[in-house]
Amino acid sequence: MRAQGRHGRGAVPRVRDFADLLPHLTGPRFVWWPSLLSPAALARVVAQDQRACRRDEVPETV
């Protein structure tokens, strides 16, 4: 998760960015589990400025 964050990749949000919605989380980053999603959390994720997925650019050999 640390490397994902360091390289600016999504899906590993910072706990501090969601502390008001998910106060029970600890540590600097967390993984999205279905149980953590709520309409408010999803709206915040969508509103964040993140890089677009570039999965299609990765060769199949990788």
PDB file of N, CA and C in Angstrom:
ATOM      1  N   MET A   1       0.823  -1.180   0.000  1.00  0.00           N
ATOM      2  CA  MET A   1       0.000   0.000   0.000  1.00  0.00           C
ATOM      3  C   MET A   1       0.870   1.248   0.000  1.00  0.00           C
ATOM      4  N   ARG A   2       1.981   1.171   0.699  1.00  0.00           N
ATOM      5  CA  ARG A   2       2.869   2.332   0.760  1.00  0.00           C
ATOM      6  C   ARG A   2       3.387   2.699  -0.632  1.00  0.00           C
ATOM      7  N   ALA A   3       3.788   1.687  -1.416  1.00  0.00           N
ATOM      8  CA  ALA A   3       4.294   1.946  -2.769  1.00  0.00           C
ATOM      9  C   ALA A   3       3.185   2.487  -3.667  1.00  0.00           C
ATOM     10  N   GLN A   4       1.983   1.964  -3.516  1.00  0.00           N
ATOM     11  CA  GLN A   4       0.854   2.469  -4.308  1.00  0.00           C
ATOM     12  C   GLN A   4       0.675   3.968  -4.059  1.00  0.00           C
ATOM     13  N   GLY A   5       0.683   4.358  -2.808  1.00  0.00           N
ATOM     14  CA  GLY A   5       0.529   5.769  -2.456  1.00  0.00           C
ATOM     15  C   GLY A   5       1.687   6.618  -2.948  1.00  0.00           C
ATOM     16  N   ARG A   6       2.895   6.095  -2.817  1.00  0.00           N
ATOM     17  CA  ARG A   6       4.092   6.824  -3.238  1.00  0.00           C
ATOM     18  C   ARG A   6       4.072   7.111  -4.743  1.00  0.00           C
ATOM     19  N   HIS A   7       3.517   6.207  -5.513  1.00  0.00           N
ATOM     20  CA  HIS A   7       3.468   6.373  -6.958  1.00  0.00           C
ATOM     21  C   HIS A   7       2.185   7.030  -7.452  1.00  0.00           C
ATOM     22  N   GLY A   8       1.369   7.498  -6.512  1.00  0.00           N
ATOM     23  CA  GLY A   8       0.163   8.232  -6.881  1.00  0.00           C
ATOM     24  C   GLY A   8      -0.959   7.375  -7.430  1.00  0.00           C
ATOM     25  N   ARG A   9      -0.938   6.092  -7.115  1.00  0.00           N
ATOM     26  CA  ARG A   9      -1.987   5.213  -7.609  1.00  0.00           C
ATOM     27  C   ARG A   9      -3.173   5.241  -6.661  1.00  0.00           C
ATOM     28  N   GLY A  10      -4.339   4.994  -7.195  1.00  0.00           N
ATOM     29  CA  GLY A  10      -5.548   5.020  -6.384  1.00  0.00           C
ATOM     30  C   GLY A  10      -5.780   3.732  -5.622  1.00  0.00           C
ATOM     31  N   ALA A  11      -6.924   3.643  -5.002  1.00  0.00           N
ATOM     32  CA  ALA A  11      -7.389   2.454  -4.284  1.00  0.00           C
ATOM     33  C   ALA A  11      -6.716   2.223  -2.942  1.00  0.00           C
ATOM     34  N   VAL A  12      -5.816   3.070  -2.521  1.00  0.00           N
ATOM     35  CA  VAL A  12      -5.239   2.973  -1.183  1.00  0.00           C
ATOM     36  C   VAL A  12      -5.357   4.343  -0.514  1.00  0.00           C
ATOM     37  N   PRO A  13      -6.556   4.696  -0.123  1.00  0.00           N
ATOM     38  CA  PRO A  13      -6.786   6.028   0.432  1.00  0.00           C
ATOM     39  C   PRO A  13      -6.125   6.225   1.796  1.00  0.00           C
ATOM     40  N   ARG A  14      -5.947   7.481   2.132  1.00  0.00           N
ATOM     41  CA  ARG A  14      -5.383   7.835   3.431  1.00  0.00           C
ATOM     42  C   ARG A  14      -6.504   7.839   4.468  1.00  0.00           C
ATOM     43  N   VAL A  15      -6.202   7.297   5.624  1.00  0.00           N
ATOM     44  CA  VAL A  15      -7.176   7.248   6.716  1.00  0.00           C
ATOM     45  C   VAL A  15      -7.629   8.659   7.074  1.00  0.00           C
ATOM     46  N   ARG A  16      -6.713   9.611   7.104  1.00  0.00           N
ATOM     47  CA  ARG A  16      -7.076  10.973   7.515  1.00  0.00           C
ATOM     48  C   ARG A  16      -8.102  11.617   6.583  1.00  0.00           C
ATOM     49  N   ASP A  17      -8.136  11.186   5.306  1.00  0.00           N
ATOM     50  CA  ASP A  17      -9.105  11.748   4.366  1.00  0.00           C
ATOM     51  C   ASP A  17     -10.523  11.243   4.605  1.00  0.00           C
ATOM     52  N   PHE A  18     -10.658  10.180   5.379  1.00  0.00           N
ATOM     53  CA  PHE A  18     -11.970   9.589   5.639  1.00  0.00           C
ATOM     54  C   PHE A  18     -12.243   9.430   7.133  1.00  0.00           C
ATOM     55  N   ALA A  19     -11.447  10.088   7.974  1.00  0.00           N
ATOM     56  CA  ALA A  19     -11.570   9.937   9.423  1.00  0.00           C
ATOM     57  C   ALA A  19     -12.962  10.295   9.939  1.00  0.00           C
ATOM     58  N   ASP A  20     -13.602  11.275   9.326  1.00  0.00           N
ATOM     59  CA  ASP A  20     -14.936  11.660   9.794  1.00  0.00           C
ATOM     60  C   ASP A  20     -15.997  10.624   9.423  1.00  0.00           C
ATOM     61  N   LEU A  21     -15.785   9.891   8.333  1.00  0.00           N
ATOM     62  CA  LEU A  21     -16.756   8.884   7.896  1.00  0.00           C
ATOM     63  C   LEU A  21     -16.436   7.491   8.433  1.00  0.00           C
ATOM     64  N   LEU A  22     -15.156   7.226   8.677  1.00  0.00           N
ATOM     65  CA  LEU A  22     -14.709   5.906   9.127  1.00  0.00           C
ATOM     66  C   LEU A  22     -13.772   6.069  10.329  1.00  0.00           C
ATOM     67  N   PRO A  23     -14.286   6.511  11.465  1.00  0.00           N
ATOM     68  CA  PRO A  23     -13.428   6.841  12.610  1.00  0.00           C
ATOM     69  C   PRO A  23     -12.719   5.651  13.251  1.00  0.00           C
ATOM     70  N   HIS A  24     -13.148   4.438  12.967  1.00  0.00           N
ATOM     71  CA  HIS A  24     -12.541   3.258  13.589  1.00  0.00           C
ATOM     72  C   HIS A  24     -11.262   2.788  12.898  1.00  0.00           C
ATOM     73  N   LEU A  25     -10.902   3.367  11.748  1.00  0.00           N
ATOM     74  CA  LEU A  25      -9.707   2.939  11.025  1.00  0.00           C
ATOM     75  C   LEU A  25      -8.443   3.435  11.709  1.00  0.00           C
ATOM     76  N   THR A  26      -7.385   2.643  11.585  1.00  0.00           N
ATOM     77  CA  THR A  26      -6.084   3.028  12.146  1.00  0.00           C
ATOM     78  C   THR A  26      -5.031   2.901  11.052  1.00  0.00           C
ATOM     79  N   GLY A  27      -3.875   3.486  11.295  1.00  0.00           N
ATOM     80  CA  GLY A  27      -2.786   3.425  10.326  1.00  0.00           C
ATOM     81  C   GLY A  27      -2.894   4.558   9.324  1.00  0.00           C
ATOM     82  N   PRO A  28      -1.905   4.669   8.452  1.00  0.00           N
ATOM     83  CA  PRO A  28      -1.904   5.764   7.496  1.00  0.00           C
ATOM     84  C   PRO A  28      -2.799   5.530   6.278  1.00  0.00           C
ATOM     85  N   ARG A  29      -2.918   4.282   5.820  1.00  0.00           N
ATOM     86  CA  ARG A  29      -3.717   3.963   4.634  1.00  0.00           C
ATOM     87  C   ARG A  29      -4.571   2.735   4.898  1.00  0.00           C
ATOM     88  N   PHE A  30      -5.579   2.533   4.050  1.00  0.00           N
ATOM     89  CA  PHE A  30      -6.433   1.364   4.216  1.00  0.00           C
ATOM     90  C   PHE A  30      -6.886   0.838   2.863  1.00  0.00           C
ATOM     91  N   VAL A  31      -7.376  -0.380   2.860  1.00  0.00           N
ATOM     92  CA  VAL A  31      -7.889  -1.021   1.653  1.00  0.00           C
ATOM     93  C   VAL A  31      -9.406  -0.934   1.691  1.00  0.00           C
ATOM     94  N   TRP A  32     -10.001  -0.638   0.548  1.00  0.00           N
ATOM     95  CA  TRP A  32     -11.460  -0.575   0.487  1.00  0.00           C
ATOM     96  C   TRP A  32     -12.051  -1.969   0.553  1.00  0.00           C
ATOM     97  N   TRP A  33     -12.819  -2.225   1.590  1.00  0.00           N
ATOM     98  CA  TRP A  33     -13.604  -3.443   1.711  1.00  0.00           C
ATOM     99  C   TRP A  33     -15.051  -3.048   1.483  1.00  0.00           C
ATOM    100  N   PRO A  34     -15.873  -3.922   0.945  1.00  0.00           N
ATOM    101  CA  PRO A  34     -17.277  -3.569   0.712  1.00  0.00           C
ATOM    102  C   PRO A  34     -17.979  -3.027   1.958  1.00  0.00           C
ATOM    103  N   SER A  35     -17.601  -3.530   3.122  1.00  0.00           N
ATOM    104  CA  SER A  35     -18.249  -3.090   4.366  1.00  0.00           C
ATOM    105  C   SER A  35     -17.937  -1.627   4.702  1.00  0.00           C
ATOM    106  N   LEU A  36     -16.895  -1.064   4.098  1.00  0.00           N
ATOM    107  CA  LEU A  36     -16.524   0.326   4.389  1.00  0.00           C
ATOM    108  C   LEU A  36     -17.242   1.331   3.500  1.00  0.00           C
ATOM    109  N   LEU A  37     -17.794   0.856   2.403  1.00  0.00           N
ATOM    110  CA  LEU A  37     -18.443   1.772   1.469  1.00  0.00           C
ATOM    111  C   LEU A  37     -19.803   2.234   1.973  1.00  0.00           C
ATOM    112  N   SER A  38     -20.050   3.487   1.812  1.00  0.00           N
ATOM    113  CA  SER A  38     -21.343   4.083   2.122  1.00  0.00           C
ATOM    114  C   SER A  38     -21.580   5.122   1.030  1.00  0.00           C
ATOM    115  N   PRO A  39     -22.783   5.613   0.873  1.00  0.00           N
ATOM    116  CA  PRO A  39     -23.003   6.657  -0.130  1.00  0.00           C
ATOM    117  C   PRO A  39     -22.082   7.868   0.073  1.00  0.00           C
ATOM    118  N   ALA A  40     -21.859   8.264   1.318  1.00  0.00           N
ATOM    119  CA  ALA A  40     -21.004   9.428   1.582  1.00  0.00           C
ATOM    120  C   ALA A  40     -19.546   9.133   1.222  1.00  0.00           C
ATOM    121  N   ALA A  41     -19.053   7.945   1.567  1.00  0.00           N
ATOM    122  CA  ALA A  41     -17.676   7.581   1.244  1.00  0.00           C
ATOM    123  C   ALA A  41     -17.490   7.474  -0.265  1.00  0.00           C
ATOM    124  N   LEU A  42     -18.437   6.873  -0.935  1.00  0.00           N
ATOM    125  CA  LEU A  42     -18.354   6.735  -2.386  1.00  0.00           C
ATOM    126  C   LEU A  42     -18.362   8.107  -3.071  1.00  0.00           C
ATOM    127  N   ALA A  43     -19.198   9.009  -2.586  1.00  0.00           N
ATOM    128  CA  ALA A  43     -19.241  10.358  -3.152  1.00  0.00           C
ATOM    129  C   ALA A  43     -17.903  11.060  -2.976  1.00  0.00           C
ATOM    130  N   ARG A  44     -17.256  10.867  -1.849  1.00  0.00           N
ATOM    131  CA  ARG A  44     -15.958  11.503  -1.609  1.00  0.00           C
ATOM    132  C   ARG A  44     -14.887  10.918  -2.532  1.00  0.00           C
ATOM    133  N   VAL A  45     -14.914   9.617  -2.735  1.00  0.00           N
ATOM    134  CA  VAL A  45     -13.944   8.974  -3.622  1.00  0.00           C
ATOM    135  C   VAL A  45     -14.096   9.506  -5.036  1.00  0.00           C
ATOM    136  N   VAL A  46     -15.323   9.579  -5.510  1.00  0.00           N
ATOM    137  CA  VAL A  46     -15.579  10.044  -6.869  1.00  0.00           C
ATOM    138  C   VAL A  46     -15.160  11.499  -7.040  1.00  0.00           C
ATOM    139  N   ALA A  47     -15.308  12.302  -6.006  1.00  0.00           N
ATOM    140  CA  ALA A  47     -14.986  13.722  -6.080  1.00  0.00           C
ATOM    141  C   ALA A  47     -13.481  13.991  -6.034  1.00  0.00           C
ATOM    142  N   GLN A  48     -12.685  13.021  -5.565  1.00  0.00           N
ATOM    143  CA  GLN A  48     -11.244  13.225  -5.478  1.00  0.00           C
ATOM    144  C   GLN A  48     -10.613  13.202  -6.861  1.00  0.00           C
ATOM    145  N   ASP A  49      -9.599  14.022  -7.020  1.00  0.00           N
ATOM    146  CA  ASP A  49      -8.885  14.090  -8.286  1.00  0.00           C
ATOM    147  C   ASP A  49      -7.814  13.007  -8.300  1.00  0.00           C
ATOM    148  N   GLN A  50      -8.078  11.902  -8.996  1.00  0.00           N
ATOM    149  CA  GLN A  50      -7.133  10.795  -9.065  1.00  0.00           C
ATOM    150  C   GLN A  50      -6.799  10.477 -10.505  1.00  0.00           C
ATOM    151  N   ARG A  51      -5.671   9.849 -10.686  1.00  0.00           N
ATOM    152  CA  ARG A  51      -5.256   9.438 -12.022  1.00  0.00           C
ATOM    153  C   ARG A  51      -6.209   8.393 -12.572  1.00  0.00           C
ATOM    154  N   ALA A  52      -6.410   8.437 -13.869  1.00  0.00           N
ATOM    155  CA  ALA A  52      -7.257   7.446 -14.522  1.00  0.00           C
ATOM    156  C   ALA A  52      -6.529   6.102 -14.576  1.00  0.00           C
ATOM    157  N   CYS A  53      -7.290   5.036 -14.592  1.00  0.00           N
ATOM    158  CA  CYS A  53      -6.734   3.695 -14.706  1.00  0.00           C
ATOM    159  C   CYS A  53      -6.045   3.546 -16.068  1.00  0.00           C
ATOM    160  N   ARG A  54      -4.851   2.970 -16.060  1.00  0.00           N
ATOM    161  CA  ARG A  54      -4.108   2.759 -17.302  1.00  0.00           C
ATOM    162  C   ARG A  54      -3.838   1.269 -17.520  1.00  0.00           C
ATOM    163  N   ARG A  55      -4.676   0.441 -16.952  1.00  0.00           N
ATOM    164  CA  ARG A  55      -4.519  -1.014 -17.012  1.00  0.00           C
ATOM    165  C   ARG A  55      -4.396  -1.519 -18.451  1.00  0.00           C
ATOM    166  N   ASP A  56      -5.147  -0.932 -19.373  1.00  0.00           N
ATOM    167  CA  ASP A  56      -5.119  -1.380 -20.758  1.00  0.00           C
ATOM    168  C   ASP A  56      -3.773  -1.164 -21.426  1.00  0.00           C
ATOM    169  N   GLU A  57      -2.940  -0.304 -20.878  1.00  0.00           N
ATOM    170  CA  GLU A  57      -1.627  -0.028 -21.458  1.00  0.00           C
ATOM    171  C   GLU A  57      -0.547  -1.022 -21.022  1.00  0.00           C
ATOM    172  N   VAL A  58      -0.854  -1.858 -20.059  1.00  0.00           N
ATOM    173  CA  VAL A  58       0.125  -2.821 -19.543  1.00  0.00           C
ATOM    174  C   VAL A  58       0.136  -4.053 -20.444  1.00  0.00           C
ATOM    175  N   PRO A  59       1.312  -4.441 -20.950  1.00  0.00           N
ATOM    176  CA  PRO A  59       1.375  -5.616 -21.816  1.00  0.00           C
ATOM    177  C   PRO A  59       0.919  -6.873 -21.087  1.00  0.00           C
ATOM    178  N   GLU A  60       0.340  -7.815 -21.808  1.00  0.00           N
ATOM    179  CA  GLU A  60      -0.136  -9.055 -21.186  1.00  0.00           C
ATOM    180  C   GLU A  60       0.977  -9.838 -20.535  1.00  0.00           C
ATOM    181  N   THR A  61       2.206  -9.695 -21.017  1.00  0.00           N
ATOM    182  CA  THR A  61       3.336 -10.424 -20.436  1.00  0.00           C
ATOM    183  C   THR A  61       3.630  -9.972 -19.014  1.00  0.00           C
ATOM    184  N   VAL A  62       3.197  -8.783 -18.665  1.00  0.00           N
ATOM    185  CA  VAL A  62       3.417  -8.263 -17.317  1.00  0.00           C
ATOM    186  C   VAL A  62       2.348  -8.827 -16.426  1.00  0.00           C
TER     187      VAL A  62
END
